[in-house]
Amino acid sequence: MNGPNAALIDSARGVTLGDQLARQARINPELVAYRCGDASQTFAETEARVARLAAAFEARGITAGDRIAILMHNAIAFVEAFWTAARLGAIAVPINFRLAADEVGYIVDDCAASMIVVDAANAAVASTVLGPRPDVAVVVTDAAPIDVSPRAERMEQLIADHAPAQHRPLVALDDPAFIIYTSGTTGRPKGAVLSHANLLHNTYTKIATHGITGQGEVWMSGLSLCHIAGVSSLLPCLLLGGTCVVMPSGQFDATEMVDVIEAEGVTCCFLVPTQWKEICAVPDVGRRCRSLRQIAWGGSNAPMAVLESMAAAFPGVATFNTFGQTEMSPLTCVLRGADAIRKMGSVGTPVPNVEVRIVDDDMVDVADGDVGEIVYRGPTVMLGYWNDPAATEDAFAGGWFHSGDLVRRDADGFITVIDRKKDMIISGGENIYSAEVEAVVGRHPAVDEVAVIGVPHPRWVETPVAIIVPAAGREPPGLDEITAWCRDRLASYKKPTRVVIVDALPRNASGKVLKTALRDSLD
């Protein structure tokens, strides 16, 4: 609503992410909000630190709408950076720590970040990125080397030096809260802009569909906070006064995860199917994890053997298969445990707040049983792509958000993903777009043409394979050569795990590479 009273109305309606933290600090000050490794922090302690950090950021010129990039491994400090941005009305931009320096630099430039928050593990990449970008303010965590940049300041010192601000900037529900970059289909990622309202509506939906009750809940996931699934998993506990166990980033260890579940009394846990497979193989896992009340998985379908192992290890525990995407904040469909075996391969049915259609290229609804693109409408749909009006217009053609997922709906209303229009590969829960990998591999001097496809992998579900037509007069490149070429140009998980040399790529009459034929040839 516009007019002279708009600011007053926004103020009365505005219980944004930063407000939710302050609310929990008032009503549940002594409850533990976050645990990570040996560190823990109550809601009151988190609020006090965020209020001081917000004053420090504001003193350095950060205002509403400014972008704060966060290049960190999982830690409580990562969460503090999120909520500090939210408190100021700034926009948090979490960056995947697996990205190479060139990829990080692109995101910093594309969002025009005013500040970047960095930890020790990412100091070397940050130093490379910040060299040619003298206008970006730098905050480092306590263990990070201060020489990341001549402008670097320590987070702990900023918190110690600043009293909480006496005023709170007015932040509206529809203001942007996050820009989360998705893997690019043309070699560059796009920044999905998510508002406070987007994320709060998604949170209400998750609370309702998963039966999350609040105090006494201990939520844990194996997700990175740089992903939307990691961000959104923090929010139910923020709203309801539960505890989030933030797992440190690093190599997944099933025994260590079970140790944490047992020690912390975890009640709700989200992992990708590969991780659940390893969890279920830990001796005596059911007895040790008897605090679990619900378990969830996502990122890819769980094979029947994994579902059976989960059912055997955790009898009576509610199970959920969640499906969505960054642009949807992210939840769109849920497959509940009662249907997990009967509807194996399905992603379930749409959640409240999300309306779906399955359409052809002309936006005409297809019949049940036919394949079409699933499109969405609802309050969790992103605001648009940052700095990319053309991509935003394409994504919202016809007044619905186009997912790019090709699906089929059965007579019971259950949806199954058939393929992805943009040839996305899901490896270990990470999204990899083939065009992005092709853009890098295709620049190798020994490569004439390349197509990248995903092939099944026993641990990671899928991994990328590069099918290469070698350049004339050049020795065909091997896997080691391609891996070395990609090392400084792509995140490690995006590198091809296999190279296949061919004389030509199969194409249709219009010249498009037939990736289905390539997949069939590798079966």
Protein backbone atom coordinates (compact mmCIF):
# COMPACT_ATOMS: atom_id res chain seq x y z
CA MET A 1 0.00 0.00 0.00
CA ASN A 2 1.42 3.37 -1.01
CA GLY A 3 0.83 6.76 0.57
CA PRO A 4 1.86 8.67 3.69
CA ASN A 5 0.98 5.76 5.99
CA ALA A 6 2.94 3.11 4.07
CA ALA A 7 5.94 3.22 6.42
CA LEU A 8 3.70 2.91 9.48
CA ILE A 9 1.87 -0.03 7.96
CA ASP A 10 5.17 -1.73 7.03
CA SER A 11 6.38 -1.19 10.58
CA ALA A 12 3.27 -2.78 12.06
CA ARG A 13 3.44 -5.77 9.69
CA GLY A 14 7.20 -6.21 9.74
CA VAL A 15 8.24 -9.24 11.76
CA THR A 16 11.23 -10.03 9.59
CA LEU A 17 14.10 -12.46 10.10
CA GLY A 18 16.01 -10.02 12.29
CA ASP A 19 12.89 -9.36 14.32
CA GLN A 20 12.37 -13.09 14.87
CA LEU A 21 15.81 -13.39 16.47
CA ALA A 22 15.11 -10.44 18.79
CA ARG A 23 11.74 -11.97 19.69
CA GLN A 24 13.28 -15.31 20.72
CA ALA A 25 15.93 -13.47 22.76
CA ARG A 26 13.12 -11.76 24.71
CA ILE A 27 10.93 -14.80 25.35
CA ASN A 28 13.51 -17.60 25.46
CA PRO A 29 16.80 -15.90 26.34
CA GLU A 30 18.45 -18.92 28.00
CA LEU A 31 17.50 -21.53 25.42
CA VAL A 32 20.38 -22.77 23.28
CA ALA A 33 19.88 -21.49 19.74
CA TYR A 34 22.94 -22.95 17.99
CA ARG A 35 25.52 -25.62 18.57
CA CYS A 36 28.49 -26.28 16.31
CA GLY A 37 31.26 -28.60 17.44
CA ASP A 38 32.20 -27.57 20.96
CA ALA A 39 30.61 -24.13 20.65
CA SER A 40 27.08 -23.23 21.72
CA GLN A 41 25.13 -20.00 21.95
CA THR A 42 21.80 -19.01 23.51
CA PHE A 43 19.24 -16.83 21.78
CA ALA A 44 20.16 -13.94 24.09
CA GLU A 45 23.86 -14.31 23.34
CA THR A 46 23.22 -14.50 19.61
CA GLU A 47 20.98 -11.43 19.70
CA ALA A 48 23.55 -9.42 21.69
CA ARG A 49 26.34 -10.26 19.28
CA VAL A 50 24.20 -9.59 16.19
CA ALA A 51 23.06 -6.22 17.59
CA ARG A 52 26.68 -5.16 18.18
CA LEU A 53 27.83 -6.46 14.81
CA ALA A 54 24.97 -4.61 13.11
CA ALA A 55 26.14 -1.38 14.75
CA ALA A 56 29.69 -2.04 13.54
CA PHE A 57 28.57 -2.76 9.97
CA GLU A 58 26.37 0.34 9.99
CA ALA A 59 29.33 2.44 11.18
CA ARG A 60 31.20 1.19 8.11
CA GLY A 61 28.47 2.41 5.79
CA ILE A 62 26.39 -0.72 5.34
CA THR A 63 22.75 0.26 4.85
CA ALA A 64 19.51 -1.29 3.65
CA GLY A 65 19.88 -3.00 0.29
CA ASP A 66 23.68 -3.33 0.43
CA ARG A 67 25.02 -6.81 -0.31
CA ILE A 68 27.12 -8.67 2.27
CA ALA A 69 28.91 -11.66 0.74
CA ILE A 70 29.67 -14.55 3.11
CA LEU A 71 32.47 -16.95 2.17
CA MET A 72 32.68 -19.36 5.08
CA HIS A 73 32.45 -22.96 6.16
CA ASN A 74 29.58 -23.86 8.50
CA ALA A 75 29.93 -22.12 11.86
CA ILE A 76 27.89 -20.09 14.32
CA ALA A 77 29.66 -16.99 12.99
CA PHE A 78 28.12 -17.77 9.58
CA VAL A 79 24.65 -17.64 11.17
CA GLU A 80 25.53 -14.36 12.91
CA ALA A 81 26.50 -12.83 9.56
CA PHE A 82 23.10 -13.87 8.13
CA TRP A 83 21.10 -12.30 10.92
CA THR A 84 23.25 -9.15 10.99
CA ALA A 85 22.45 -8.50 7.35
CA ALA A 86 18.76 -9.14 8.06
CA ARG A 87 18.80 -6.71 11.02
CA LEU A 88 20.13 -3.91 8.80
CA GLY A 89 17.91 -4.63 5.83
CA ALA A 90 21.06 -5.56 3.91
CA ILE A 91 21.10 -8.60 1.64
CA ALA A 92 23.15 -11.66 2.59
CA VAL A 93 24.92 -13.39 -0.30
CA PRO A 94 26.22 -16.79 0.84
CA ILE A 95 28.89 -18.12 -1.52
CA ASN A 96 29.64 -21.80 -1.96
CA PHE A 97 33.07 -22.39 -0.43
CA ARG A 98 33.78 -25.06 -3.05
CA LEU A 99 33.93 -22.48 -5.85
CA ALA A 100 37.17 -21.45 -7.49
CA ALA A 101 38.45 -17.88 -7.12
CA ASP A 102 37.21 -16.83 -10.58
CA GLU A 103 33.72 -18.08 -9.73
CA VAL A 104 33.71 -16.28 -6.38
CA GLY A 105 34.96 -13.10 -8.05
CA TYR A 106 32.14 -13.21 -10.56
CA ILE A 107 29.52 -13.39 -7.79
CA VAL A 108 31.15 -10.57 -5.80
CA ASP A 109 31.11 -8.38 -8.91
CA ASP A 110 27.65 -9.38 -10.10
CA CYS A 111 25.97 -8.55 -6.79
CA ALA A 112 28.24 -5.51 -6.26
CA ALA A 113 29.05 -6.64 -2.73
CA SER A 114 29.87 -3.85 -0.29
CA MET A 115 31.39 -6.26 2.24
CA ILE A 116 32.61 -9.84 2.46
CA VAL A 117 32.86 -11.96 5.61
CA VAL A 118 35.57 -14.64 5.44
CA ASP A 119 36.87 -17.46 7.62
CA ALA A 120 40.29 -19.09 7.83
CA ALA A 121 39.45 -21.97 5.48
CA ASN A 122 38.59 -19.55 2.67
CA ALA A 123 41.27 -16.96 3.30
CA ALA A 124 43.47 -17.89 0.34
CA VAL A 125 40.61 -17.69 -2.17
CA ALA A 126 39.38 -14.46 -0.59
CA SER A 127 42.83 -12.89 -0.83
CA THR A 128 42.93 -13.64 -4.57
CA VAL A 129 39.43 -12.28 -5.07
CA LEU A 130 39.92 -9.11 -3.04
CA GLY A 131 43.20 -8.00 -4.64
CA PRO A 132 41.61 -6.28 -7.65
CA ARG A 133 38.51 -5.18 -5.70
CA PRO A 134 39.66 -2.42 -3.32
CA ASP A 135 36.16 -1.09 -2.58
CA VAL A 136 34.92 -4.23 -0.81
CA ALA A 137 35.05 -4.03 3.00
CA VAL A 138 36.44 -7.17 4.65
CA VAL A 139 35.56 -8.86 7.95
CA VAL A 140 37.44 -11.98 9.04
CA THR A 141 36.64 -14.45 11.79
CA ASP A 142 39.03 -14.84 14.67
CA ALA A 143 41.09 -17.70 13.23
CA ALA A 144 41.44 -16.17 9.77
CA PRO A 145 44.71 -14.41 8.88
CA ILE A 146 44.31 -10.66 9.07
CA ASP A 147 46.42 -10.21 5.92
CA VAL A 148 43.58 -11.52 3.74
CA SER A 149 43.30 -7.84 2.82
CA PRO A 150 44.80 -4.54 4.05
CA ARG A 151 41.22 -3.56 4.86
CA ALA A 152 40.43 -6.65 6.94
CA GLU A 153 38.93 -6.24 10.41
CA ARG A 154 38.21 -8.98 12.91
CA MET A 155 34.59 -9.85 13.69
CA GLU A 156 35.27 -10.35 17.40
CA GLN A 157 36.94 -6.95 17.68
CA LEU A 158 34.03 -5.27 15.93
CA ILE A 159 31.61 -6.90 18.37
CA ALA A 160 33.74 -5.83 21.35
CA ASP A 161 34.12 -2.25 20.12
CA HIS A 162 30.47 -1.43 19.38
CA ALA A 163 27.44 -1.06 21.61
CA PRO A 164 24.10 -2.20 20.18
CA ALA A 165 22.48 0.46 18.03
CA GLN A 166 19.74 2.44 19.74
CA HIS A 167 17.50 2.31 16.68
CA ARG A 168 16.43 -0.41 14.31
CA PRO A 169 16.16 0.24 10.56
CA LEU A 170 12.68 -0.36 9.18
CA VAL A 171 12.76 -3.54 7.10
CA ALA A 172 9.66 -4.55 5.16
CA LEU A 173 8.57 -8.15 4.68
CA ASP A 174 8.91 -7.86 0.93
CA ASP A 175 12.47 -6.48 1.11
CA PRO A 176 15.21 -8.80 -0.20
CA ALA A 177 16.92 -10.88 2.49
CA PHE A 178 19.18 -13.18 0.45
CA ILE A 179 20.68 -13.53 -2.99
CA ILE A 180 21.54 -17.18 -3.50
CA TYR A 181 23.37 -18.02 -6.70
CA THR A 182 22.32 -21.05 -8.67
CA SER A 183 24.62 -22.89 -11.05
CA GLY A 184 24.56 -21.27 -14.46
CA THR A 185 23.24 -22.98 -17.57
CA THR A 186 25.27 -20.75 -19.89
CA GLY A 187 28.51 -20.70 -17.95
CA ARG A 188 27.48 -18.10 -15.34
CA PRO A 189 25.29 -18.50 -12.25
CA LYS A 190 22.15 -16.46 -11.60
CA GLY A 191 21.32 -14.84 -8.28
CA ALA A 192 17.86 -15.74 -6.98
CA VAL A 193 16.56 -12.87 -4.83
CA LEU A 194 14.55 -14.10 -1.84
CA SER A 195 12.59 -11.79 0.44
CA HIS A 196 11.96 -12.05 4.17
CA ALA A 197 8.36 -12.96 3.30
CA ASN A 198 9.49 -15.69 0.88
CA LEU A 199 11.53 -17.43 3.57
CA LEU A 200 8.97 -16.97 6.33
CA HIS A 201 6.16 -18.42 4.21
CA ASN A 202 8.41 -21.37 3.38
CA THR A 203 9.11 -21.79 7.09
CA TYR A 204 5.43 -21.83 8.02
CA THR A 205 4.87 -24.47 5.35
CA LYS A 206 7.74 -26.60 6.62
CA ILE A 207 6.49 -26.36 10.21
CA ALA A 208 3.03 -27.50 9.10
CA THR A 209 4.09 -30.30 6.76
CA HIS A 210 6.77 -31.71 9.07
CA GLY A 211 4.95 -31.28 12.37
CA ILE A 212 7.75 -29.25 13.98
CA THR A 213 6.60 -28.28 17.46
CA GLY A 214 9.14 -25.80 18.82
CA GLN A 215 10.87 -25.91 22.20
CA GLY A 216 12.53 -29.25 22.78
CA GLU A 217 13.17 -29.76 19.09
CA VAL A 218 16.82 -30.24 18.14
CA TRP A 219 17.29 -29.88 14.40
CA MET A 220 20.39 -31.05 12.57
CA SER A 221 21.34 -31.37 8.93
CA GLY A 222 24.35 -32.26 6.85
CA LEU A 223 23.73 -29.22 4.64
CA SER A 224 26.05 -26.34 3.90
CA LEU A 225 24.75 -22.95 4.97
CA CYS A 226 25.75 -21.55 1.59
CA HIS A 227 22.79 -23.42 0.04
CA ILE A 228 19.11 -22.49 0.31
CA ALA A 229 18.34 -25.82 2.01
CA GLY A 230 20.90 -24.97 4.69
CA VAL A 231 19.57 -21.45 5.17
CA SER A 232 15.93 -22.50 5.31
CA SER A 233 16.61 -25.33 7.78
CA LEU A 234 17.66 -22.75 10.38
CA LEU A 235 14.34 -20.95 10.37
CA PRO A 236 11.76 -23.26 12.04
CA CYS A 237 13.85 -23.34 15.19
CA LEU A 238 14.33 -19.57 15.00
CA LEU A 239 10.56 -19.05 14.95
CA LEU A 240 9.65 -21.71 17.51
CA GLY A 241 12.52 -21.67 19.98
CA GLY A 242 14.24 -24.91 19.07
CA THR A 243 17.95 -25.67 18.79
CA CYS A 244 19.90 -25.96 15.54
CA VAL A 245 22.94 -28.21 15.49
CA VAL A 246 25.17 -26.81 12.74
CA MET A 247 27.53 -29.50 11.51
CA PRO A 248 31.03 -28.23 10.64
CA SER A 249 31.85 -28.39 6.94
CA GLY A 250 34.12 -31.15 5.74
CA GLN A 251 34.14 -34.77 4.68
CA PHE A 252 30.96 -36.54 5.79
CA ASP A 253 31.59 -39.17 8.47
CA ALA A 254 28.56 -41.33 9.31
CA THR A 255 29.92 -42.51 12.67
CA GLU A 256 30.65 -38.94 13.73
CA MET A 257 27.14 -37.90 12.67
CA VAL A 258 25.59 -40.67 14.77
CA ASP A 259 27.77 -39.61 17.71
CA VAL A 260 26.38 -36.08 17.44
CA ILE A 261 22.76 -37.23 17.08
CA GLU A 262 23.15 -39.32 20.24
CA ALA A 263 25.01 -36.70 22.25
CA GLU A 264 22.76 -33.77 21.32
CA GLY A 265 19.44 -35.63 21.46
CA VAL A 266 18.63 -34.64 17.89
CA THR A 267 14.91 -34.94 17.14
CA CYS A 268 14.82 -33.88 13.45
CA CYS A 269 17.50 -34.65 10.88
CA PHE A 270 17.91 -33.92 7.15
CA LEU A 271 20.49 -35.69 4.96
CA VAL A 272 20.85 -36.65 1.32
CA PRO A 273 20.19 -40.33 0.45
CA THR A 274 23.89 -41.16 0.14
CA GLN A 275 24.42 -39.97 3.71
CA TRP A 276 21.41 -41.92 5.03
CA LYS A 277 22.79 -45.05 3.40
CA GLU A 278 26.02 -44.69 5.38
CA ILE A 279 24.19 -43.69 8.58
CA CYS A 280 22.07 -46.85 8.45
CA ALA A 281 25.23 -48.98 8.20
CA VAL A 282 26.59 -47.69 11.54
CA PRO A 283 26.31 -50.48 14.17
CA ASP A 284 23.42 -50.15 16.60
CA VAL A 285 22.27 -46.94 14.91
CA GLY A 286 18.60 -47.33 15.85
CA ARG A 287 19.27 -47.55 19.58
CA ARG A 288 21.85 -44.79 19.51
CA CYS A 289 19.55 -42.44 17.57
CA ARG A 290 16.35 -43.13 19.47
CA SER A 291 15.84 -39.39 20.09
CA LEU A 292 14.95 -38.99 16.41
CA ARG A 293 11.29 -38.16 15.88
CA GLN A 294 11.51 -37.44 12.16
CA ILE A 295 14.01 -37.89 9.36
CA ALA A 296 14.07 -36.27 5.94
CA TRP A 297 15.99 -36.52 2.74
CA GLY A 298 16.20 -34.55 -0.49
CA GLY A 299 18.51 -33.55 -3.31
CA SER A 300 17.81 -36.77 -5.21
CA ASN A 301 15.59 -39.84 -5.05
CA ALA A 302 16.45 -42.49 -2.48
CA PRO A 303 16.90 -46.00 -3.94
CA MET A 304 14.58 -48.70 -2.60
CA ALA A 305 17.44 -50.33 -0.68
CA VAL A 306 18.11 -47.06 1.17
CA LEU A 307 14.42 -46.58 2.01
CA GLU A 308 14.25 -50.12 3.34
CA SER A 309 17.39 -49.57 5.43
CA MET A 310 15.93 -46.37 6.88
CA ALA A 311 12.64 -48.09 7.72
CA ALA A 312 14.51 -50.95 9.42
CA ALA A 313 16.88 -48.68 11.35
CA PHE A 314 14.24 -46.17 12.47
CA PRO A 315 10.88 -47.95 12.83
CA GLY A 316 8.08 -45.60 13.81
CA VAL A 317 10.06 -42.46 12.91
CA ALA A 318 8.24 -40.11 10.52
CA THR A 319 10.03 -39.77 7.17
CA PHE A 320 9.84 -37.05 4.54
CA ASN A 321 11.24 -36.71 1.02
CA THR A 322 11.45 -33.00 0.26
CA PHE A 323 11.64 -31.45 -3.20
CA GLY A 324 12.13 -27.88 -4.36
CA GLN A 325 14.60 -25.37 -5.72
CA THR A 326 16.36 -22.19 -4.70
CA GLU A 327 13.94 -19.92 -6.55
CA MET A 328 11.05 -21.36 -4.50
CA SER A 329 12.65 -20.70 -1.09
CA PRO A 330 12.86 -23.84 -1.64
CA LEU A 331 10.09 -26.33 -0.66
CA THR A 332 7.49 -27.26 -3.30
CA CYS A 333 6.55 -30.93 -2.78
CA VAL A 334 6.77 -33.48 0.03
CA LEU A 335 6.56 -37.28 -0.06
CA ARG A 336 5.57 -38.50 3.38
CA GLY A 337 6.79 -41.73 4.88
CA ALA A 338 3.50 -43.57 4.48
CA ASP A 339 3.90 -43.24 0.71
CA ALA A 340 7.68 -43.62 0.47
CA ILE A 341 7.62 -47.25 -0.67
CA ARG A 342 4.27 -47.22 -2.48
CA LYS A 343 5.25 -44.14 -4.49
CA MET A 344 8.98 -44.69 -4.70
CA GLY A 345 10.57 -42.34 -7.23
CA SER A 346 7.91 -39.69 -6.65
CA VAL A 347 8.63 -36.36 -5.00
CA GLY A 348 5.17 -36.42 -3.48
CA THR A 349 2.44 -33.81 -3.66
CA PRO A 350 2.54 -30.00 -3.56
CA VAL A 351 2.80 -28.30 -0.18
CA PRO A 352 0.43 -25.61 1.10
CA ASN A 353 1.28 -22.14 -0.24
CA VAL A 354 2.48 -23.58 -3.57
CA GLU A 355 0.14 -24.00 -6.53
CA VAL A 356 1.45 -26.12 -9.40
CA ARG A 357 0.60 -26.81 -13.01
CA ILE A 358 2.24 -29.25 -15.41
CA VAL A 359 2.32 -27.69 -18.85
CA ASP A 360 3.67 -28.04 -22.38
CA ASP A 361 5.78 -25.43 -24.16
CA ASP A 362 2.63 -23.40 -24.91
CA MET A 363 1.58 -23.29 -21.23
CA VAL A 364 -1.26 -25.75 -21.88
CA ASP A 365 -1.89 -28.22 -19.06
CA VAL A 366 -0.94 -31.78 -19.93
CA ALA A 367 -3.01 -34.78 -18.92
CA ASP A 368 -2.09 -36.90 -15.90
CA GLY A 369 0.47 -39.44 -17.03
CA ASP A 370 1.95 -37.14 -19.68
CA VAL A 371 5.27 -35.34 -19.27
CA GLY A 372 5.39 -31.58 -18.97
CA GLU A 373 7.21 -28.80 -17.16
CA ILE A 374 6.12 -28.11 -13.60
CA VAL A 375 5.43 -24.42 -13.02
CA TYR A 376 4.68 -22.72 -9.70
CA ARG A 377 2.78 -19.85 -8.17
CA GLY A 378 2.64 -18.70 -4.55
CA PRO A 379 4.18 -16.49 -1.86
CA THR A 380 7.45 -18.45 -1.78
CA VAL A 381 8.35 -17.63 -5.39
CA MET A 382 11.52 -15.51 -5.55
CA LEU A 383 11.44 -11.78 -6.39
CA GLY A 384 13.51 -12.41 -9.52
CA TYR A 385 17.08 -12.91 -10.68
CA TRP A 386 19.53 -10.27 -9.53
CA ASN A 387 20.78 -8.01 -12.30
CA ASP A 388 19.23 -10.24 -14.98
CA PRO A 389 15.86 -8.94 -16.23
CA ALA A 390 15.91 -11.15 -19.33
CA ALA A 391 16.30 -14.35 -17.31
CA THR A 392 13.61 -13.13 -14.89
CA GLU A 393 11.18 -12.47 -17.73
CA ASP A 394 11.80 -15.94 -19.17
CA ALA A 395 11.37 -17.58 -15.77
CA PHE A 396 8.00 -15.89 -15.18
CA ALA A 397 6.53 -16.33 -18.65
CA GLY A 398 2.76 -16.62 -18.49
CA GLY A 399 2.63 -15.42 -14.87
CA TRP A 400 3.99 -18.66 -13.38
CA PHE A 401 7.52 -19.52 -12.30
CA HIS A 402 9.07 -22.05 -14.70
CA SER A 403 11.09 -24.65 -12.83
CA GLY A 404 12.85 -26.28 -15.79
CA ASP A 405 11.87 -29.69 -14.37
CA LEU A 406 10.03 -32.13 -16.59
CA VAL A 407 7.62 -34.19 -14.52
CA ARG A 408 4.67 -36.58 -14.69
CA ARG A 409 1.69 -36.59 -12.31
CA ASP A 410 -0.19 -39.82 -11.64
CA ALA A 411 -3.90 -40.30 -11.02
CA ASP A 412 -3.36 -39.92 -7.24
CA GLY A 413 -1.72 -36.53 -7.68
CA PHE A 414 1.85 -37.72 -6.95
CA ILE A 415 4.56 -36.07 -9.03
CA THR A 416 7.65 -37.79 -10.44
CA VAL A 417 10.59 -35.90 -11.96
CA ILE A 418 11.43 -37.33 -15.37
CA ASP A 419 14.25 -35.11 -16.61
CA ARG A 420 15.61 -31.61 -16.37
CA LYS A 421 15.25 -29.24 -19.25
CA LYS A 422 18.63 -27.72 -18.56
CA ASP A 423 20.47 -31.00 -18.02
CA MET A 424 21.27 -30.47 -14.38
CA ILE A 425 23.38 -33.13 -12.70
CA ILE A 426 22.89 -33.81 -8.97
CA SER A 427 26.06 -35.16 -7.39
CA GLY A 428 26.18 -35.75 -3.64
CA GLY A 429 23.39 -33.21 -3.16
CA GLU A 430 25.24 -30.54 -5.19
CA ASN A 431 23.68 -29.16 -8.37
CA ILE A 432 25.93 -29.21 -11.43
CA TYR A 433 24.82 -27.73 -14.74
CA SER A 434 26.36 -29.42 -17.74
CA ALA A 435 26.63 -26.19 -19.75
CA GLU A 436 28.81 -24.65 -17.06
CA VAL A 437 31.24 -27.58 -17.16
CA GLU A 438 31.12 -27.65 -20.97
CA ALA A 439 32.08 -23.97 -21.10
CA VAL A 440 35.26 -24.68 -19.13
CA VAL A 441 36.27 -28.00 -20.72
CA GLY A 442 35.52 -26.59 -24.18
CA ARG A 443 38.25 -23.97 -23.74
CA HIS A 444 40.94 -26.65 -23.43
CA PRO A 445 43.17 -26.37 -26.52
CA ALA A 446 42.89 -30.10 -27.25
CA VAL A 447 39.07 -30.02 -27.22
CA ASP A 448 37.02 -29.30 -30.33
CA GLU A 449 33.57 -30.10 -28.93
CA VAL A 450 32.32 -31.42 -25.62
CA ALA A 451 29.06 -32.57 -24.07
CA VAL A 452 28.72 -33.24 -20.36
CA ILE A 453 26.15 -35.65 -18.94
CA GLY A 454 25.47 -37.21 -15.58
CA VAL A 455 25.94 -40.93 -15.11
CA PRO A 456 24.97 -43.07 -12.10
CA HIS A 457 27.48 -43.33 -9.27
CA PRO A 458 27.20 -45.72 -6.28
CA ARG A 459 28.12 -43.06 -3.70
CA TRP A 460 27.27 -39.66 -5.21
CA VAL A 461 24.13 -40.72 -7.16
CA GLU A 462 25.46 -38.98 -10.29
CA THR A 463 28.79 -37.63 -11.48
CA PRO A 464 29.67 -35.68 -14.63
CA VAL A 465 31.22 -37.37 -17.66
CA ALA A 466 32.77 -35.36 -20.49
CA ILE A 467 32.27 -36.71 -24.01
CA ILE A 468 34.96 -35.01 -26.09
CA VAL A 469 35.64 -34.57 -29.77
CA PRO A 470 39.39 -33.80 -29.84
CA ALA A 471 40.77 -30.86 -31.79
CA ALA A 472 42.28 -31.72 -35.15
CA GLY A 473 45.97 -32.55 -34.96
CA ARG A 474 45.97 -32.77 -31.16
CA GLU A 475 46.41 -35.76 -28.92
CA PRO A 476 43.06 -36.57 -27.27
CA PRO A 477 43.12 -35.30 -23.66
CA GLY A 478 42.88 -37.81 -20.83
CA LEU A 479 41.06 -37.49 -17.53
CA ASP A 480 44.13 -36.26 -15.63
CA GLU A 481 44.68 -33.49 -18.16
CA ILE A 482 41.04 -32.37 -18.07
CA THR A 483 40.97 -32.54 -14.26
CA ALA A 484 44.07 -30.34 -14.04
CA TRP A 485 42.54 -27.89 -16.51
CA CYS A 486 39.37 -27.60 -14.41
CA ARG A 487 41.10 -27.35 -11.05
CA ASP A 488 41.44 -23.54 -10.99
CA ARG A 489 38.37 -22.87 -13.10
CA LEU A 490 35.64 -24.95 -11.46
CA ALA A 491 34.67 -26.14 -8.02
CA SER A 492 36.11 -29.59 -7.36
CA TYR A 493 32.75 -31.36 -7.31
CA LYS A 494 31.97 -30.11 -10.84
CA LYS A 495 35.02 -31.67 -12.48
CA PRO A 496 34.35 -34.62 -14.82
CA THR A 497 35.08 -38.01 -13.29
CA ARG A 498 35.45 -39.67 -16.66
CA VAL A 499 36.44 -38.66 -20.19
CA VAL A 500 35.12 -40.41 -23.29
CA ILE A 501 36.67 -39.65 -26.68
CA VAL A 502 34.38 -39.77 -29.74
CA ASP A 503 34.65 -38.81 -33.40
CA ALA A 504 31.46 -36.73 -33.36
CA LEU A 505 28.58 -35.79 -31.08
CA PRO A 506 25.11 -37.04 -32.08
CA ARG A 507 22.81 -34.19 -33.10
CA ASN A 508 19.23 -33.75 -34.23
CA ALA A 509 18.11 -31.98 -37.40
CA SER A 510 18.38 -28.57 -35.76
CA GLY A 511 21.94 -29.23 -34.57
CA LYS A 512 21.16 -29.84 -30.90
CA VAL A 513 23.31 -32.46 -29.21
CA LEU A 514 21.26 -35.55 -28.36
CA LYS A 515 22.25 -36.15 -24.76
CA THR A 516 19.77 -38.99 -24.43
CA ALA A 517 21.71 -40.84 -27.15
CA LEU A 518 24.95 -40.14 -25.30
CA ARG A 519 23.52 -41.55 -22.06
CA ASP A 520 22.30 -44.63 -23.88
CA SER A 521 25.73 -45.16 -25.43
CA LEU A 522 27.32 -45.25 -21.99
CA ASP A 523 24.84 -47.70 -20.44
